[in-house]
Amino acid sequence: LSLEIIKKLNKNGIKVTTLTKGLYPDEL
């Protein structure tokens, strides 16, 4: 869901910042 949200925001010209204690997926 996080990836889908980032993709949707980016497609609308909106920059995204993220912060995690997990691991980033290769999709990014």
PDB file of all heavy atoms in Angstrom:
ATOM      1  N   LEU A   1       0.832  -1.201   0.000  1.00  0.00           N
ATOM      2  CA  LEU A   1       0.000   0.000   0.000  1.00  0.00           C
ATOM      3  C   LEU A   1       0.868   1.253   0.000  1.00  0.00           C
ATOM      4  O   LEU A   1       0.556   2.231  -0.695  1.00  0.00           O
ATOM      5  CB  LEU A   1      -0.933   0.002   1.208  1.00  0.00           C
ATOM      6  CG  LEU A   1      -1.855   1.226   1.336  1.00  0.00           C
ATOM      7  CD1 LEU A   1      -2.712   1.415   0.090  1.00  0.00           C
ATOM      8  CD2 LEU A   1      -2.749   1.096   2.577  1.00  0.00           C
ATOM      9  N   SER A   2       1.961   1.244   0.751  1.00  0.00           N
ATOM     10  CA  SER A   2       2.864   2.394   0.774  1.00  0.00           C
ATOM     11  C   SER A   2       3.415   2.679  -0.611  1.00  0.00           C
ATOM     12  O   SER A   2       3.480   3.842  -1.042  1.00  0.00           O
ATOM     13  CB  SER A   2       4.009   2.155   1.759  1.00  0.00           C
ATOM     14  OG  SER A   2       3.538   2.031   3.081  1.00  0.00           O
ATOM     15  N   LEU A   3       3.806   1.637  -1.337  1.00  0.00           N
ATOM     16  CA  LEU A   3       4.308   1.810  -2.693  1.00  0.00           C
ATOM     17  C   LEU A   3       3.244   2.381  -3.615  1.00  0.00           C
ATOM     18  O   LEU A   3       3.524   3.268  -4.447  1.00  0.00           O
ATOM     19  CB  LEU A   3       4.812   0.471  -3.236  1.00  0.00           C
ATOM     20  CG  LEU A   3       6.098  -0.067  -2.619  1.00  0.00           C
ATOM     21  CD1 LEU A   3       6.358  -1.503  -3.097  1.00  0.00           C
ATOM     22  CD2 LEU A   3       7.288   0.820  -2.945  1.00  0.00           C
ATOM     23  N   GLU A   4       2.021   1.910  -3.473  1.00  0.00           N
ATOM     24  CA  GLU A   4       0.932   2.416  -4.313  1.00  0.00           C
ATOM     25  C   GLU A   4       0.629   3.883  -4.002  1.00  0.00           C
ATOM     26  O   GLU A   4       0.337   4.671  -4.911  1.00  0.00           O
ATOM     27  CB  GLU A   4      -0.317   1.550  -4.115  1.00  0.00           C
ATOM     28  CG  GLU A   4      -0.166   0.145  -4.695  1.00  0.00           C
ATOM     29  CD  GLU A   4      -1.346  -0.758  -4.362  1.00  0.00           C
ATOM     30  OE1 GLU A   4      -2.123  -0.411  -3.443  1.00  0.00           O
ATOM     31  OE2 GLU A   4      -1.486  -1.807  -5.008  1.00  0.00           O
ATOM     32  N   ILE A   5       0.723   4.247  -2.730  1.00  0.00           N
ATOM     33  CA  ILE A   5       0.492   5.640  -2.334  1.00  0.00           C
ATOM     34  C   ILE A   5       1.582   6.541  -2.903  1.00  0.00           C
ATOM     35  O   ILE A   5       1.299   7.618  -3.457  1.00  0.00           O
ATOM     36  CB  ILE A   5       0.442   5.756  -0.796  1.00  0.00           C
ATOM     37  CG1 ILE A   5      -0.871   5.164  -0.279  1.00  0.00           C
ATOM     38  CG2 ILE A   5       0.568   7.215  -0.351  1.00  0.00           C
ATOM     39  CD1 ILE A   5      -0.947   5.064   1.245  1.00  0.00           C
ATOM     40  N   ILE A   6       2.837   6.124  -2.776  1.00  0.00           N
ATOM     41  CA  ILE A   6       3.942   6.926  -3.302  1.00  0.00           C
ATOM     42  C   ILE A   6       3.796   7.103  -4.812  1.00  0.00           C
ATOM     43  O   ILE A   6       3.978   8.204  -5.351  1.00  0.00           O
ATOM     44  CB  ILE A   6       5.293   6.268  -2.961  1.00  0.00           C
ATOM     45  CG1 ILE A   6       5.513   6.251  -1.452  1.00  0.00           C
ATOM     46  CG2 ILE A   6       6.444   7.008  -3.651  1.00  0.00           C
ATOM     47  CD1 ILE A   6       6.706   5.418  -1.013  1.00  0.00           C
ATOM     48  N   LYS A   7       3.471   6.018  -5.509  1.00  0.00           N
ATOM     49  CA  LYS A   7       3.310   6.071  -6.955  1.00  0.00           C
ATOM     50  C   LYS A   7       2.195   7.039  -7.352  1.00  0.00           C
ATOM     51  O   LYS A   7       2.351   7.858  -8.272  1.00  0.00           O
ATOM     52  CB  LYS A   7       3.018   4.678  -7.501  1.00  0.00           C
ATOM     53  CG  LYS A   7       2.981   4.593  -9.020  1.00  0.00           C
ATOM     54  CD  LYS A   7       2.549   3.214  -9.497  1.00  0.00           C
ATOM     55  CE  LYS A   7       3.520   2.136  -9.049  1.00  0.00           C
ATOM     56  NZ  LYS A   7       3.128   0.795  -9.596  1.00  0.00           N
ATOM     57  N   LYS A   8       1.091   6.976  -6.645  1.00  0.00           N
ATOM     58  CA  LYS A   8      -0.047   7.849  -6.959  1.00  0.00           C
ATOM     59  C   LYS A   8       0.300   9.318  -6.709  1.00  0.00           C
ATOM     60  O   LYS A   8      -0.026  10.196  -7.517  1.00  0.00           O
ATOM     61  CB  LYS A   8      -1.272   7.453  -6.135  1.00  0.00           C
ATOM     62  CG  LYS A   8      -2.547   8.214  -6.485  1.00  0.00           C
ATOM     63  CD  LYS A   8      -3.732   7.720  -5.688  1.00  0.00           C
ATOM     64  CE  LYS A   8      -4.173   6.351  -6.134  1.00  0.00           C
ATOM     65  NZ  LYS A   8      -4.849   6.401  -7.476  1.00  0.00           N
ATOM     66  N   LEU A   9       0.964   9.604  -5.609  1.00  0.00           N
ATOM     67  CA  LEU A   9       1.366  10.976  -5.321  1.00  0.00           C
ATOM     68  C   LEU A   9       2.361  11.486  -6.353  1.00  0.00           C
ATOM     69  O   LEU A   9       2.246  12.615  -6.848  1.00  0.00           O
ATOM     70  CB  LEU A   9       1.976  11.056  -3.912  1.00  0.00           C
ATOM     71  CG  LEU A   9       0.991  10.874  -2.748  1.00  0.00           C
ATOM     72  CD1 LEU A   9       1.753  10.654  -1.447  1.00  0.00           C
ATOM     73  CD2 LEU A   9       0.061  12.085  -2.622  1.00  0.00           C
ATOM     74  N   ASN A  10       3.332  10.656  -6.693  1.00  0.00           N
ATOM     75  CA  ASN A  10       4.334  11.052  -7.685  1.00  0.00           C
ATOM     76  C   ASN A  10       3.710  11.319  -9.049  1.00  0.00           C
ATOM     77  O   ASN A  10       4.098  12.271  -9.752  1.00  0.00           O
ATOM     78  CB  ASN A  10       5.410   9.986  -7.810  1.00  0.00           C
ATOM     79  CG  ASN A  10       6.403   9.960  -6.661  1.00  0.00           C
ATOM     80  OD1 ASN A  10       7.210   9.035  -6.529  1.00  0.00           O
ATOM     81  ND2 ASN A  10       6.371  10.963  -5.805  1.00  0.00           N
ATOM     82  N   LYS A  11       2.757  10.492  -9.443  1.00  0.00           N
ATOM     83  CA  LYS A  11       2.103  10.695 -10.742  1.00  0.00           C
ATOM     84  C   LYS A  11       1.300  11.986 -10.777  1.00  0.00           C
ATOM     85  O   LYS A  11       1.008  12.511 -11.869  1.00  0.00           O
ATOM     86  CB  LYS A  11       1.213   9.494 -11.070  1.00  0.00           C
ATOM     87  CG  LYS A  11       2.002   8.265 -11.490  1.00  0.00           C
ATOM     88  CD  LYS A  11       1.107   7.135 -11.941  1.00  0.00           C
ATOM     89  CE  LYS A  11       1.954   5.966 -12.451  1.00  0.00           C
ATOM     90  NZ  LYS A  11       1.118   4.823 -12.912  1.00  0.00           N
ATOM     91  N   ASN A  12       0.969  12.498  -9.601  1.00  0.00           N
ATOM     92  CA  ASN A  12       0.276  13.781  -9.509  1.00  0.00           C
ATOM     93  C   ASN A  12       1.240  14.931  -9.240  1.00  0.00           C
ATOM     94  O   ASN A  12       0.826  16.028  -8.866  1.00  0.00           O
ATOM     95  CB  ASN A  12      -0.791  13.723  -8.418  1.00  0.00           C
ATOM     96  CG  ASN A  12      -2.058  13.025  -8.865  1.00  0.00           C
ATOM     97  OD1 ASN A  12      -2.937  13.632  -9.475  1.00  0.00           O
ATOM     98  ND2 ASN A  12      -2.141  11.729  -8.605  1.00  0.00           N
ATOM     99  N   GLY A  13       2.524  14.668  -9.432  1.00  0.00           N
ATOM    100  CA  GLY A  13       3.530  15.707  -9.291  1.00  0.00           C
ATOM    101  C   GLY A  13       3.861  16.079  -7.861  1.00  0.00           C
ATOM    102  O   GLY A  13       4.397  17.161  -7.607  1.00  0.00           O
ATOM    103  N   ILE A  14       3.569  15.189  -6.913  1.00  0.00           N
ATOM    104  CA  ILE A  14       3.801  15.475  -5.496  1.00  0.00           C
ATOM    105  C   ILE A  14       4.993  14.661  -5.002  1.00  0.00           C
ATOM    106  O   ILE A  14       5.013  13.430  -5.113  1.00  0.00           O
ATOM    107  CB  ILE A  14       2.550  15.140  -4.654  1.00  0.00           C
ATOM    108  CG1 ILE A  14       1.364  15.989  -5.114  1.00  0.00           C
ATOM    109  CG2 ILE A  14       2.832  15.358  -3.168  1.00  0.00           C
ATOM    110  CD1 ILE A  14       0.045  15.596  -4.471  1.00  0.00           C
ATOM    111  N   LYS A  15       5.955  15.363  -4.436  1.00  0.00           N
ATOM    112  CA  LYS A  15       7.138  14.717  -3.870  1.00  0.00           C
ATOM    113  C   LYS A  15       6.775  13.996  -2.574  1.00  0.00           C
ATOM    114  O   LYS A  15       5.904  14.437  -1.818  1.00  0.00           O
ATOM    115  CB  LYS A  15       8.209  15.774  -3.598  1.00  0.00           C
ATOM    116  CG  LYS A  15       9.411  15.302  -2.823  1.00  0.00           C
ATOM    117  CD  LYS A  15      10.362  16.457  -2.566  1.00  0.00           C
ATOM    118  CE  LYS A  15      11.455  16.074  -1.591  1.00  0.00           C
ATOM    119  NZ  LYS A  15      12.427  17.157  -1.380  1.00  0.00           N
ATOM    120  N   VAL A  16       7.491  12.905  -2.285  1.00  0.00           N
ATOM    121  CA  VAL A  16       7.259  12.101  -1.080  1.00  0.00           C
ATOM    122  C   VAL A  16       8.559  11.957  -0.299  1.00  0.00           C
ATOM    123  O   VAL A  16       9.631  11.750  -0.876  1.00  0.00           O
ATOM    124  CB  VAL A  16       6.711  10.708  -1.441  1.00  0.00           C
ATOM    125  CG1 VAL A  16       6.584   9.827  -0.197  1.00  0.00           C
ATOM    126  CG2 VAL A  16       5.361  10.832  -2.144  1.00  0.00           C
ATOM    127  N   THR A  17       8.466  12.069   1.025  1.00  0.00           N
ATOM    128  CA  THR A  17       9.575  11.700   1.903  1.00  0.00           C
ATOM    129  C   THR A  17       9.091  10.546   2.779  1.00  0.00           C
ATOM    130  O   THR A  17       7.902  10.469   3.116  1.00  0.00           O
ATOM    131  CB  THR A  17      10.032  12.873   2.791  1.00  0.00           C
ATOM    132  OG1 THR A  17       9.013  13.181   3.763  1.00  0.00           O
ATOM    133  CG2 THR A  17      10.322  14.105   1.952  1.00  0.00           C
ATOM    134  N   THR A  18      10.002   9.652   3.121  1.00  0.00           N
ATOM    135  CA  THR A  18       9.635   8.495   3.946  1.00  0.00           C
ATOM    136  C   THR A  18      10.651   8.305   5.063  1.00  0.00           C
ATOM    137  O   THR A  18      11.796   8.745   4.963  1.00  0.00           O
ATOM    138  CB  THR A  18       9.573   7.203   3.116  1.00  0.00           C
ATOM    139  OG1 THR A  18      10.878   6.911   2.602  1.00  0.00           O
ATOM    140  CG2 THR A  18       8.589   7.327   1.959  1.00  0.00           C
ATOM    141  N   LEU A  19      10.205   7.629   6.113  1.00  0.00           N
ATOM    142  CA  LEU A  19      11.083   7.291   7.231  1.00  0.00           C
ATOM    143  C   LEU A  19      10.675   5.922   7.757  1.00  0.00           C
ATOM    144  O   LEU A  19       9.488   5.682   8.005  1.00  0.00           O
ATOM    145  CB  LEU A  19      10.965   8.332   8.348  1.00  0.00           C
ATOM    146  CG  LEU A  19      11.910   8.148   9.542  1.00  0.00           C
ATOM    147  CD1 LEU A  19      13.363   8.300   9.110  1.00  0.00           C
ATOM    148  CD2 LEU A  19      11.584   9.153  10.642  1.00  0.00           C
ATOM    149  N   THR A  20      11.647   5.038   7.937  1.00  0.00           N
ATOM    150  CA  THR A  20      11.315   3.680   8.352  1.00  0.00           C
ATOM    151  C   THR A  20      12.386   3.085   9.260  1.00  0.00           C
ATOM    152  O   THR A  20      13.541   3.524   9.257  1.00  0.00           O
ATOM    153  CB  THR A  20      11.137   2.769   7.116  1.00  0.00           C
ATOM    154  OG1 THR A  20      10.677   1.468   7.537  1.00  0.00           O
ATOM    155  CG2 THR A  20      12.434   2.588   6.351  1.00  0.00           C
ATOM    156  N   LYS A  21      11.981   2.086  10.030  1.00  0.00           N
ATOM    157  CA  LYS A  21      12.900   1.205  10.750  1.00  0.00           C
ATOM    158  C   LYS A  21      12.848  -0.185  10.130  1.00  0.00           C
ATOM    159  O   LYS A  21      13.326  -1.153  10.707  1.00  0.00           O
ATOM    160  CB  LYS A  21      12.539   1.148  12.232  1.00  0.00           C
ATOM    161  CG  LYS A  21      12.745   2.486  12.950  1.00  0.00           C
ATOM    162  CD  LYS A  21      12.304   2.409  14.393  1.00  0.00           C
ATOM    163  CE  LYS A  21      12.424   3.784  15.047  1.00  0.00           C
ATOM    164  NZ  LYS A  21      11.896   3.797  16.426  1.00  0.00           N
ATOM    165  N   GLY A  22      12.234  -0.242   8.957  1.00  0.00           N
ATOM    166  CA  GLY A  22      12.181  -1.482   8.200  1.00  0.00           C
ATOM    167  C   GLY A  22      13.193  -1.454   7.068  1.00  0.00           C
ATOM    168  O   GLY A  22      14.222  -0.795   7.166  1.00  0.00           O
ATOM    169  N   LEU A  23      12.868  -2.157   5.983  1.00  0.00           N
ATOM    170  CA  LEU A  23      13.765  -2.251   4.831  1.00  0.00           C
ATOM    171  C   LEU A  23      13.053  -1.746   3.584  1.00  0.00           C
ATOM    172  O   LEU A  23      11.858  -1.989   3.405  1.00  0.00           O
ATOM    173  CB  LEU A  23      14.212  -3.699   4.625  1.00  0.00           C
ATOM    174  CG  LEU A  23      14.889  -4.366   5.826  1.00  0.00           C
ATOM    175  CD1 LEU A  23      15.195  -5.839   5.505  1.00  0.00           C
ATOM    176  CD2 LEU A  23      16.159  -3.634   6.228  1.00  0.00           C
ATOM    177  N   TYR A  24      13.798  -1.076   2.725  1.00  0.00           N
ATOM    178  CA  TYR A  24      13.196  -0.529   1.516  1.00  0.00           C
ATOM    179  C   TYR A  24      13.123  -1.583   0.412  1.00  0.00           C
ATOM    180  O   TYR A  24      14.100  -2.290   0.144  1.00  0.00           O
ATOM    181  CB  TYR A  24      14.000   0.670   1.030  1.00  0.00           C
ATOM    182  CG  TYR A  24      13.682   1.925   1.803  1.00  0.00           C
ATOM    183  CD1 TYR A  24      14.589   2.455   2.708  1.00  0.00           C
ATOM    184  CD2 TYR A  24      12.451   2.561   1.643  1.00  0.00           C
ATOM    185  CE1 TYR A  24      14.290   3.607   3.429  1.00  0.00           C
ATOM    186  CE2 TYR A  24      12.148   3.711   2.364  1.00  0.00           C
ATOM    187  CZ  TYR A  24      13.062   4.229   3.251  1.00  0.00           C
ATOM    188  OH  TYR A  24      12.753   5.360   3.974  1.00  0.00           O
ATOM    189  N   PRO A  25      11.967  -1.689  -0.253  1.00  0.00           N
ATOM    190  CA  PRO A  25      11.802  -2.674  -1.335  1.00  0.00           C
ATOM    191  C   PRO A  25      12.481  -2.213  -2.623  1.00  0.00           C
ATOM    192  O   PRO A  25      12.632  -1.023  -2.891  1.00  0.00           O
ATOM    193  CB  PRO A  25      10.276  -2.724  -1.511  1.00  0.00           C
ATOM    194  CG  PRO A  25       9.805  -1.375  -1.070  1.00  0.00           C
ATOM    195  CD  PRO A  25      10.726  -0.960   0.041  1.00  0.00           C
ATOM    196  N   ASP A  26      12.874  -3.165  -3.446  1.00  0.00           N
ATOM    197  CA  ASP A  26      13.566  -2.872  -4.708  1.00  0.00           C
ATOM    198  C   ASP A  26      12.691  -2.099  -5.687  1.00  0.00           C
ATOM    199  O   ASP A  26      13.213  -1.450  -6.603  1.00  0.00           O
ATOM    200  CB  ASP A  26      14.036  -4.173  -5.356  1.00  0.00           C
ATOM    201  CG  ASP A  26      15.201  -4.800  -4.604  1.00  0.00           C
ATOM    202  OD1 ASP A  26      15.877  -4.080  -3.837  1.00  0.00           O
ATOM    203  OD2 ASP A  26      15.436  -6.009  -4.776  1.00  0.00           O
ATOM    204  N   GLU A  27      11.383  -2.160  -5.515  1.00  0.00           N
ATOM    205  CA  GLU A  27      10.489  -1.450  -6.432  1.00  0.00           C
ATOM    206  C   GLU A  27      10.810   0.042  -6.513  1.00  0.00           C
ATOM    207  O   GLU A  27      10.604   0.680  -7.544  1.00  0.00           O
ATOM    208  CB  GLU A  27       9.029  -1.627  -5.991  1.00  0.00           C
ATOM    209  CG  GLU A  27       8.437  -2.979  -6.308  1.00  0.00           C
ATOM    210  CD  GLU A  27       8.686  -4.003  -5.208  1.00  0.00           C
ATOM    211  OE1 GLU A  27       9.626  -3.803  -4.410  1.00  0.00           O
ATOM    212  OE2 GLU A  27       7.949  -5.005  -5.155  1.00  0.00           O
ATOM    213  N   LEU A  28      11.329   0.608  -5.430  1.00  0.00           N
ATOM    214  CA  LEU A  28      11.624   2.035  -5.411  1.00  0.00           C
ATOM    215  C   LEU A  28      12.776   2.413  -6.336  1.00  0.00           C
ATOM    216  O   LEU A  28      12.987   3.599  -6.625  1.00  0.00           O
ATOM    217  CB  LEU A  28      11.935   2.487  -3.982  1.00  0.00           C
ATOM    218  CG  LEU A  28      10.750   2.463  -3.011  1.00  0.00           C
ATOM    219  CD1 LEU A  28      11.217   2.725  -1.588  1.00  0.00           C
ATOM    220  CD2 LEU A  28       9.691   3.482  -3.426  1.00  0.00           C
TER     221      LEU A  28
END
